[in-house]
């Protein structure tokens, strides 16, 4: 799983639990993997901030994934 995919998975998990896409910058999300894998810590607030500031470098598929979650800046 790539760093971007981990970030999207963590953001999806966070959104489902908190019902918002507003992530505090210092927030760390624990990804719970399927089928006995190890938990992964994702510094979600920093990942989201960095992704937003570097959005011009995202691929069309990456922007579509973020826009599909509701991030208007990714369109």
PDB file of N, CA and C in Angstrom:
ATOM      1  N   UNK A   1       0.850  -1.173   0.000  1.00  0.00           N
ATOM      2  CA  UNK A   1       0.000   0.000   0.000  1.00  0.00           C
ATOM      3  C   UNK A   1       0.901   1.244   0.000  1.00  0.00           C
ATOM      4  N   UNK A   2       0.627   2.155  -0.894  1.00  0.00           N
ATOM      5  CA  UNK A   2       1.437   3.372  -0.997  1.00  0.00           C
ATOM      6  C   UNK A   2       1.081   4.349   0.131  1.00  0.00           C
ATOM      7  N   UNK A   3       1.916   5.341   0.293  1.00  0.00           N
ATOM      8  CA  UNK A   3       1.674   6.371   1.304  1.00  0.00           C
ATOM      9  C   UNK A   3       0.352   7.074   1.037  1.00  0.00           C
ATOM     10  N   UNK A   4       0.081   7.362  -0.230  1.00  0.00           N
ATOM     11  CA  UNK A   4      -1.175   8.024  -0.576  1.00  0.00           C
ATOM     12  C   UNK A   4      -2.364   7.136  -0.228  1.00  0.00           C
ATOM     13  N   UNK A   5      -2.285   5.866  -0.572  1.00  0.00           N
ATOM     14  CA  UNK A   5      -3.378   4.937  -0.278  1.00  0.00           C
ATOM     15  C   UNK A   5      -3.613   4.806   1.223  1.00  0.00           C
ATOM     16  N   UNK A   6      -2.528   4.784   2.008  1.00  0.00           N
ATOM     17  CA  UNK A   6      -2.664   4.744   3.467  1.00  0.00           C
ATOM     18  C   UNK A   6      -3.342   6.015   3.974  1.00  0.00           C
ATOM     19  N   UNK A   7      -2.964   7.143   3.400  1.00  0.00           N
ATOM     20  CA  UNK A   7      -3.578   8.406   3.807  1.00  0.00           C
ATOM     21  C   UNK A   7      -5.056   8.448   3.506  1.00  0.00           C
ATOM     22  N   UNK A   8      -5.436   7.986   2.327  1.00  0.00           N
ATOM     23  CA  UNK A   8      -6.856   7.964   1.952  1.00  0.00           C
ATOM     24  C   UNK A   8      -7.624   6.993   2.840  1.00  0.00           C
ATOM     25  N   UNK A   9      -7.033   5.834   3.126  1.00  0.00           N
ATOM     26  CA  UNK A   9      -7.688   4.858   4.004  1.00  0.00           C
ATOM     27  C   UNK A   9      -7.878   5.442   5.409  1.00  0.00           C
ATOM     28  N   UNK A  10      -6.857   6.127   5.909  1.00  0.00           N
ATOM     29  CA  UNK A  10      -6.954   6.748   7.234  1.00  0.00           C
ATOM     30  C   UNK A  10      -7.986   7.863   7.234  1.00  0.00           C
ATOM     31  N   UNK A  11      -8.023   8.646   6.174  1.00  0.00           N
ATOM     32  CA  UNK A  11      -8.999   9.730   6.069  1.00  0.00           C
ATOM     33  C   UNK A  11     -10.420   9.179   5.993  1.00  0.00           C
ATOM     34  N   UNK A  12     -10.602   8.100   5.246  1.00  0.00           N
ATOM     35  CA  UNK A  12     -11.916   7.460   5.135  1.00  0.00           C
ATOM     36  C   UNK A  12     -12.369   6.942   6.492  1.00  0.00           C
ATOM     37  N   UNK A  13     -11.453   6.304   7.210  1.00  0.00           N
ATOM     38  CA  UNK A  13     -11.766   5.777   8.546  1.00  0.00           C
ATOM     39  C   UNK A  13     -12.120   6.916   9.499  1.00  0.00           C
ATOM     40  N   UNK A  14     -11.340   8.001   9.446  1.00  0.00           N
ATOM     41  CA  UNK A  14     -11.576   9.158  10.303  1.00  0.00           C
ATOM     42  C   UNK A  14     -12.936   9.784  10.000  1.00  0.00           C
ATOM     43  N   UNK A  15     -13.237   9.943   8.712  1.00  0.00           N
ATOM     44  CA  UNK A  15     -14.502  10.555   8.302  1.00  0.00           C
ATOM     45  C   UNK A  15     -15.689   9.704   8.752  1.00  0.00           C
ATOM     46  N   UNK A  16     -15.583   8.395   8.647  1.00  0.00           N
ATOM     47  CA  UNK A  16     -16.673   7.505   9.052  1.00  0.00           C
ATOM     48  C   UNK A  16     -16.923   7.602  10.559  1.00  0.00           C
ATOM     49  N   UNK A  17     -15.861   7.731  11.333  1.00  0.00           N
ATOM     50  CA  UNK A  17     -15.987   7.791  12.787  1.00  0.00           C
ATOM     51  C   UNK A  17     -16.418   9.175  13.271  1.00  0.00           C
ATOM     52  N   UNK A  18     -15.802  10.230  12.733  1.00  0.00           N
ATOM     53  CA  UNK A  18     -16.009  11.592  13.234  1.00  0.00           C
ATOM     54  C   UNK A  18     -17.065  12.370  12.452  1.00  0.00           C
ATOM     55  N   UNK A  19     -17.441  11.870  11.288  1.00  0.00           N
ATOM     56  CA  UNK A  19     -18.429  12.521  10.422  1.00  0.00           C
ATOM     57  C   UNK A  19     -17.981  13.924   9.989  1.00  0.00           C
ATOM     58  N   UNK A  20     -16.686  14.080   9.780  1.00  0.00           N
ATOM     59  CA  UNK A  20     -16.126  15.347   9.310  1.00  0.00           C
ATOM     60  C   UNK A  20     -14.798  15.079   8.608  1.00  0.00           C
ATOM     61  N   UNK A  21     -14.420  15.995   7.751  1.00  0.00           N
ATOM     62  CA  UNK A  21     -13.120  15.918   7.089  1.00  0.00           C
ATOM     63  C   UNK A  21     -12.128  16.912   7.685  1.00  0.00           C
ATOM     64  N   UNK A  22     -12.538  17.620   8.713  1.00  0.00           N
ATOM     65  CA  UNK A  22     -11.664  18.567   9.382  1.00  0.00           C
ATOM     66  C   UNK A  22     -10.798  17.800  10.369  1.00  0.00           C
ATOM     67  N   UNK A  23      -9.531  17.664  10.024  1.00  0.00           N
ATOM     68  CA  UNK A  23      -8.598  16.873  10.820  1.00  0.00           C
ATOM     69  C   UNK A  23      -7.604  17.815  11.490  1.00  0.00           C
ATOM     70  N   UNK A  24      -7.472  17.746  12.818  1.00  0.00           N
ATOM     71  CA  UNK A  24      -6.459  18.568  13.482  1.00  0.00           C
ATOM     72  C   UNK A  24      -5.058  18.223  12.970  1.00  0.00           C
ATOM     73  N   UNK A  25      -4.214  19.201  12.834  1.00  0.00           N
ATOM     74  CA  UNK A  25      -2.881  18.991  12.261  1.00  0.00           C
ATOM     75  C   UNK A  25      -2.078  17.933  13.016  1.00  0.00           C
ATOM     76  N   UNK A  26      -2.225  17.834  14.310  1.00  0.00           N
ATOM     77  CA  UNK A  26      -1.439  16.886  15.098  1.00  0.00           C
ATOM     78  C   UNK A  26      -2.092  15.513  15.229  1.00  0.00           C
ATOM     79  N   UNK A  27      -3.221  15.308  14.571  1.00  0.00           N
ATOM     80  CA  UNK A  27      -3.945  14.038  14.733  1.00  0.00           C
ATOM     81  C   UNK A  27      -3.206  12.875  14.070  1.00  0.00           C
ATOM     82  N   UNK A  28      -3.132  11.764  14.793  1.00  0.00           N
ATOM     83  CA  UNK A  28      -2.585  10.516  14.271  1.00  0.00           C
ATOM     84  C   UNK A  28      -3.698   9.485  14.255  1.00  0.00           C
ATOM     85  N   UNK A  29      -3.925   8.880  13.122  1.00  0.00           N
ATOM     86  CA  UNK A  29      -4.984   7.872  12.957  1.00  0.00           C
ATOM     87  C   UNK A  29      -4.353   6.487  12.942  1.00  0.00           C
ATOM     88  N   UNK A  30      -4.952   5.570  13.676  1.00  0.00           N
ATOM     89  CA  UNK A  30      -4.492   4.193  13.689  1.00  0.00           C
ATOM     90  C   UNK A  30      -5.326   3.399  12.701  1.00  0.00           C
ATOM     91  N   UNK A  31      -4.680   2.892  11.659  1.00  0.00           N
ATOM     92  CA  UNK A  31      -5.374   2.056  10.673  1.00  0.00           C
ATOM     93  C   UNK A  31      -5.429   0.638  11.196  1.00  0.00           C
ATOM     94  N   UNK A  32      -6.609   0.082  11.162  1.00  0.00           N
ATOM     95  CA  UNK A  32      -6.807  -1.297  11.599  1.00  0.00           C
ATOM     96  C   UNK A  32      -6.898  -2.170  10.353  1.00  0.00           C
ATOM     97  N   UNK A  33      -5.850  -2.922  10.066  1.00  0.00           N
ATOM     98  CA  UNK A  33      -5.830  -3.715   8.839  1.00  0.00           C
ATOM     99  C   UNK A  33      -6.758  -4.925   8.916  1.00  0.00           C
ATOM    100  N   UNK A  34      -7.116  -5.402   7.760  1.00  0.00           N
ATOM    101  CA  UNK A  34      -7.940  -6.610   7.679  1.00  0.00           C
ATOM    102  C   UNK A  34      -7.058  -7.842   7.808  1.00  0.00           C
ATOM    103  N   UNK A  35      -7.591  -8.857   8.361  1.00  0.00           N
ATOM    104  CA  UNK A  35      -6.986 -10.189   8.383  1.00  0.00           C
ATOM    105  C   UNK A  35      -5.612 -10.254   9.041  1.00  0.00           C
ATOM    106  N   UNK A  36      -5.535  -9.829  10.280  1.00  0.00           N
ATOM    107  CA  UNK A  36      -4.351 -10.088  11.082  1.00  0.00           C
ATOM    108  C   UNK A  36      -3.093  -9.299  10.796  1.00  0.00           C
ATOM    109  N   UNK A  37      -3.162  -8.283   9.968  1.00  0.00           N
ATOM    110  CA  UNK A  37      -1.979  -7.457   9.734  1.00  0.00           C
ATOM    111  C   UNK A  37      -1.725  -6.547  10.924  1.00  0.00           C
ATOM    112  N   UNK A  38      -0.581  -5.901  10.929  1.00  0.00           N
ATOM    113  CA  UNK A  38      -0.239  -4.996  12.022  1.00  0.00           C
ATOM    114  C   UNK A  38      -0.931  -3.647  11.843  1.00  0.00           C
ATOM    115  N   UNK A  39      -1.236  -3.022  12.985  1.00  0.00           N
ATOM    116  CA  UNK A  39      -1.813  -1.682  12.936  1.00  0.00           C
ATOM    117  C   UNK A  39      -0.762  -0.708  12.403  1.00  0.00           C
ATOM    118  N   UNK A  40      -1.231   0.300  11.682  1.00  0.00           N
ATOM    119  CA  UNK A  40      -0.345   1.304  11.103  1.00  0.00           C
ATOM    120  C   UNK A  40      -0.769   2.672  11.616  1.00  0.00           C
ATOM    121  N   UNK A  41       0.188   3.443  12.100  1.00  0.00           N
ATOM    122  CA  UNK A  41      -0.090   4.810  12.535  1.00  0.00           C
ATOM    123  C   UNK A  41       0.144   5.758  11.368  1.00  0.00           C
ATOM    124  N   UNK A  42      -0.852   6.584  11.081  1.00  0.00           N
ATOM    125  CA  UNK A  42      -0.762   7.565  10.000  1.00  0.00           C
ATOM    126  C   UNK A  42      -0.906   8.949  10.615  1.00  0.00           C
ATOM    127  N   UNK A  43       0.106   9.771  10.418  1.00  0.00           N
ATOM    128  CA  UNK A  43       0.030  11.157  10.892  1.00  0.00           C
ATOM    129  C   UNK A  43      -0.882  11.913   9.926  1.00  0.00           C
ATOM    130  N   UNK A  44      -2.182  11.720  10.140  1.00  0.00           N
ATOM    131  CA  UNK A  44      -3.191  12.143   9.177  1.00  0.00           C
ATOM    132  C   UNK A  44      -3.252  13.654   8.991  1.00  0.00           C
ATOM    133  N   UNK A  45      -3.176  14.402  10.061  1.00  0.00           N
ATOM    134  CA  UNK A  45      -3.242  15.861   9.944  1.00  0.00           C
ATOM    135  C   UNK A  45      -2.102  16.419   9.105  1.00  0.00           C
ATOM    136  N   UNK A  46      -0.908  15.914   9.334  1.00  0.00           N
ATOM    137  CA  UNK A  46       0.256  16.360   8.571  1.00  0.00           C
ATOM    138  C   UNK A  46       0.163  15.871   7.137  1.00  0.00           C
ATOM    139  N   UNK A  47      -0.258  14.608   6.943  1.00  0.00           N
ATOM    140  CA  UNK A  47      -0.399  14.068   5.588  1.00  0.00           C
ATOM    141  C   UNK A  47      -1.386  14.909   4.780  1.00  0.00           C
ATOM    142  N   UNK A  48      -2.517  15.235   5.394  1.00  0.00           N
ATOM    143  CA  UNK A  48      -3.540  16.007   4.688  1.00  0.00           C
ATOM    144  C   UNK A  48      -3.036  17.414   4.360  1.00  0.00           C
ATOM    145  N   UNK A  49      -2.352  18.045   5.294  1.00  0.00           N
ATOM    146  CA  UNK A  49      -1.803  19.376   5.061  1.00  0.00           C
ATOM    147  C   UNK A  49      -0.775  19.355   3.932  1.00  0.00           C
ATOM    148  N   UNK A  50       0.125  18.378   3.968  1.00  0.00           N
ATOM    149  CA  UNK A  50       1.138  18.265   2.919  1.00  0.00           C
ATOM    150  C   UNK A  50       0.514  17.942   1.563  1.00  0.00           C
ATOM    151  N   UNK A  51      -0.474  17.071   1.555  1.00  0.00           N
ATOM    152  CA  UNK A  51      -1.143  16.701   0.304  1.00  0.00           C
ATOM    153  C   UNK A  51      -1.839  17.905  -0.305  1.00  0.00           C
ATOM    154  N   UNK A  52      -2.486  18.684   0.543  1.00  0.00           N
ATOM    155  CA  UNK A  52      -3.173  19.873   0.040  1.00  0.00           C
ATOM    156  C   UNK A  52      -2.183  20.890  -0.530  1.00  0.00           C
ATOM    157  N   UNK A  53      -1.077  21.100   0.172  1.00  0.00           N
ATOM    158  CA  UNK A  53      -0.109  22.091  -0.306  1.00  0.00           C
ATOM    159  C   UNK A  53       0.614  21.624  -1.573  1.00  0.00           C
ATOM    160  N   UNK A  54       0.643  20.325  -1.808  1.00  0.00           N
ATOM    161  CA  UNK A  54       1.303  19.769  -2.998  1.00  0.00           C
ATOM    162  C   UNK A  54       0.300  19.218  -4.012  1.00  0.00           C
ATOM    163  N   UNK A  55      -0.917  19.724  -3.977  1.00  0.00           N
ATOM    164  CA  UNK A  55      -1.990  19.169  -4.818  1.00  0.00           C
ATOM    165  C   UNK A  55      -1.706  19.249  -6.310  1.00  0.00           C
ATOM    166  N   UNK A  56      -0.867  20.170  -6.737  1.00  0.00           N
ATOM    167  CA  UNK A  56      -0.564  20.260  -8.167  1.00  0.00           C
ATOM    168  C   UNK A  56       0.245  19.061  -8.652  1.00  0.00           C
ATOM    169  N   UNK A  57       0.867  18.336  -7.731  1.00  0.00           N
ATOM    170  CA  UNK A  57       1.664  17.158  -8.091  1.00  0.00           C
ATOM    171  C   UNK A  57       0.859  15.863  -8.048  1.00  0.00           C
ATOM    172  N   UNK A  58      -0.413  15.938  -7.638  1.00  0.00           N
ATOM    173  CA  UNK A  58      -1.244  14.738  -7.562  1.00  0.00           C
ATOM    174  C   UNK A  58      -1.687  14.301  -8.955  1.00  0.00           C
ATOM    175  N   UNK A  59      -1.866  13.011  -9.112  1.00  0.00           N
ATOM    176  CA  UNK A  59      -2.395  12.495 -10.373  1.00  0.00           C
ATOM    177  C   UNK A  59      -3.895  12.756 -10.418  1.00  0.00           C
ATOM    178  N   UNK A  60      -4.482  12.594 -11.599  1.00  0.00           N
ATOM    179  CA  UNK A  60      -5.928  12.774 -11.730  1.00  0.00           C
ATOM    180  C   UNK A  60      -6.690  11.790 -10.852  1.00  0.00           C
ATOM    181  N   UNK A  61      -6.200  10.549 -10.752  1.00  0.00           N
ATOM    182  CA  UNK A  61      -6.869   9.548  -9.920  1.00  0.00           C
ATOM    183  C   UNK A  61      -6.776   9.920  -8.434  1.00  0.00           C
ATOM    184  N   UNK A  62      -5.637  10.442  -8.014  1.00  0.00           N
ATOM    185  CA  UNK A  62      -5.483  10.847  -6.617  1.00  0.00           C
ATOM    186  C   UNK A  62      -6.405  12.019  -6.289  1.00  0.00           C
ATOM    187  N   UNK A  63      -6.470  12.986  -7.196  1.00  0.00           N
ATOM    188  CA  UNK A  63      -7.381  14.122  -6.983  1.00  0.00           C
ATOM    189  C   UNK A  63      -8.829  13.658  -6.955  1.00  0.00           C
ATOM    190  N   UNK A  64      -9.172  12.722  -7.827  1.00  0.00           N
ATOM    191  CA  UNK A  64     -10.543  12.200  -7.858  1.00  0.00           C
ATOM    192  C   UNK A  64     -10.885  11.473  -6.559  1.00  0.00           C
ATOM    193  N   UNK A  65      -9.928  10.735  -6.016  1.00  0.00           N
ATOM    194  CA  UNK A  65     -10.166  10.021  -4.758  1.00  0.00           C
ATOM    195  C   UNK A  65     -10.453  11.013  -3.624  1.00  0.00           C
ATOM    196  N   UNK A  66      -9.686  12.081  -3.555  1.00  0.00           N
ATOM    197  CA  UNK A  66      -9.892  13.082  -2.510  1.00  0.00           C
ATOM    198  C   UNK A  66     -11.178  13.878  -2.737  1.00  0.00           C
ATOM    199  N   UNK A  67     -11.450  14.208  -3.987  1.00  0.00           N
ATOM    200  CA  UNK A  67     -12.689  14.926  -4.298  1.00  0.00           C
ATOM    201  C   UNK A  67     -13.899  14.055  -3.980  1.00  0.00           C
ATOM    202  N   UNK A  68     -13.780  12.755  -4.210  1.00  0.00           N
ATOM    203  CA  UNK A  68     -14.871  11.830  -3.905  1.00  0.00           C
ATOM    204  C   UNK A  68     -15.183  11.758  -2.423  1.00  0.00           C
ATOM    205  N   UNK A  69     -14.193  12.033  -1.601  1.00  0.00           N
ATOM    206  CA  UNK A  69     -14.419  12.068  -0.154  1.00  0.00           C
ATOM    207  C   UNK A  69     -15.021  13.396   0.297  1.00  0.00           C
ATOM    208  N   UNK A  70     -14.935  14.410  -0.576  1.00  0.00           N
ATOM    209  CA  UNK A  70     -15.534  15.690  -0.250  1.00  0.00           C
ATOM    210  C   UNK A  70     -14.583  16.863  -0.143  1.00  0.00           C
ATOM    211  N   UNK A  71     -13.342  16.669  -0.504  1.00  0.00           N
ATOM    212  CA  UNK A  71     -12.387  17.785  -0.459  1.00  0.00           C
ATOM    213  C   UNK A  71     -12.504  18.603  -1.743  1.00  0.00           C
ATOM    214  N   UNK A  72     -13.115  19.780  -1.638  1.00  0.00           N
ATOM    215  CA  UNK A  72     -13.354  20.631  -2.801  1.00  0.00           C
ATOM    216  C   UNK A  72     -12.052  21.132  -3.433  1.00  0.00           C
ATOM    217  N   UNK A  73     -10.986  21.272  -2.655  1.00  0.00           N
ATOM    218  CA  UNK A  73      -9.722  21.777  -3.175  1.00  0.00           C
ATOM    219  C   UNK A  73      -9.036  20.778  -4.104  1.00  0.00           C
ATOM    220  N   UNK A  74      -9.472  19.527  -4.101  1.00  0.00           N
ATOM    221  CA  UNK A  74      -8.831  18.499  -4.911  1.00  0.00           C
ATOM    222  C   UNK A  74      -9.388  18.432  -6.328  1.00  0.00           C
ATOM    223  N   UNK A  75     -10.406  19.194  -6.630  1.00  0.00           N
ATOM    224  CA  UNK A  75     -11.041  19.130  -7.956  1.00  0.00           C
ATOM    225  C   UNK A  75     -10.214  19.819  -8.998  1.00  0.00           C
TER     226      UNK A  75
END
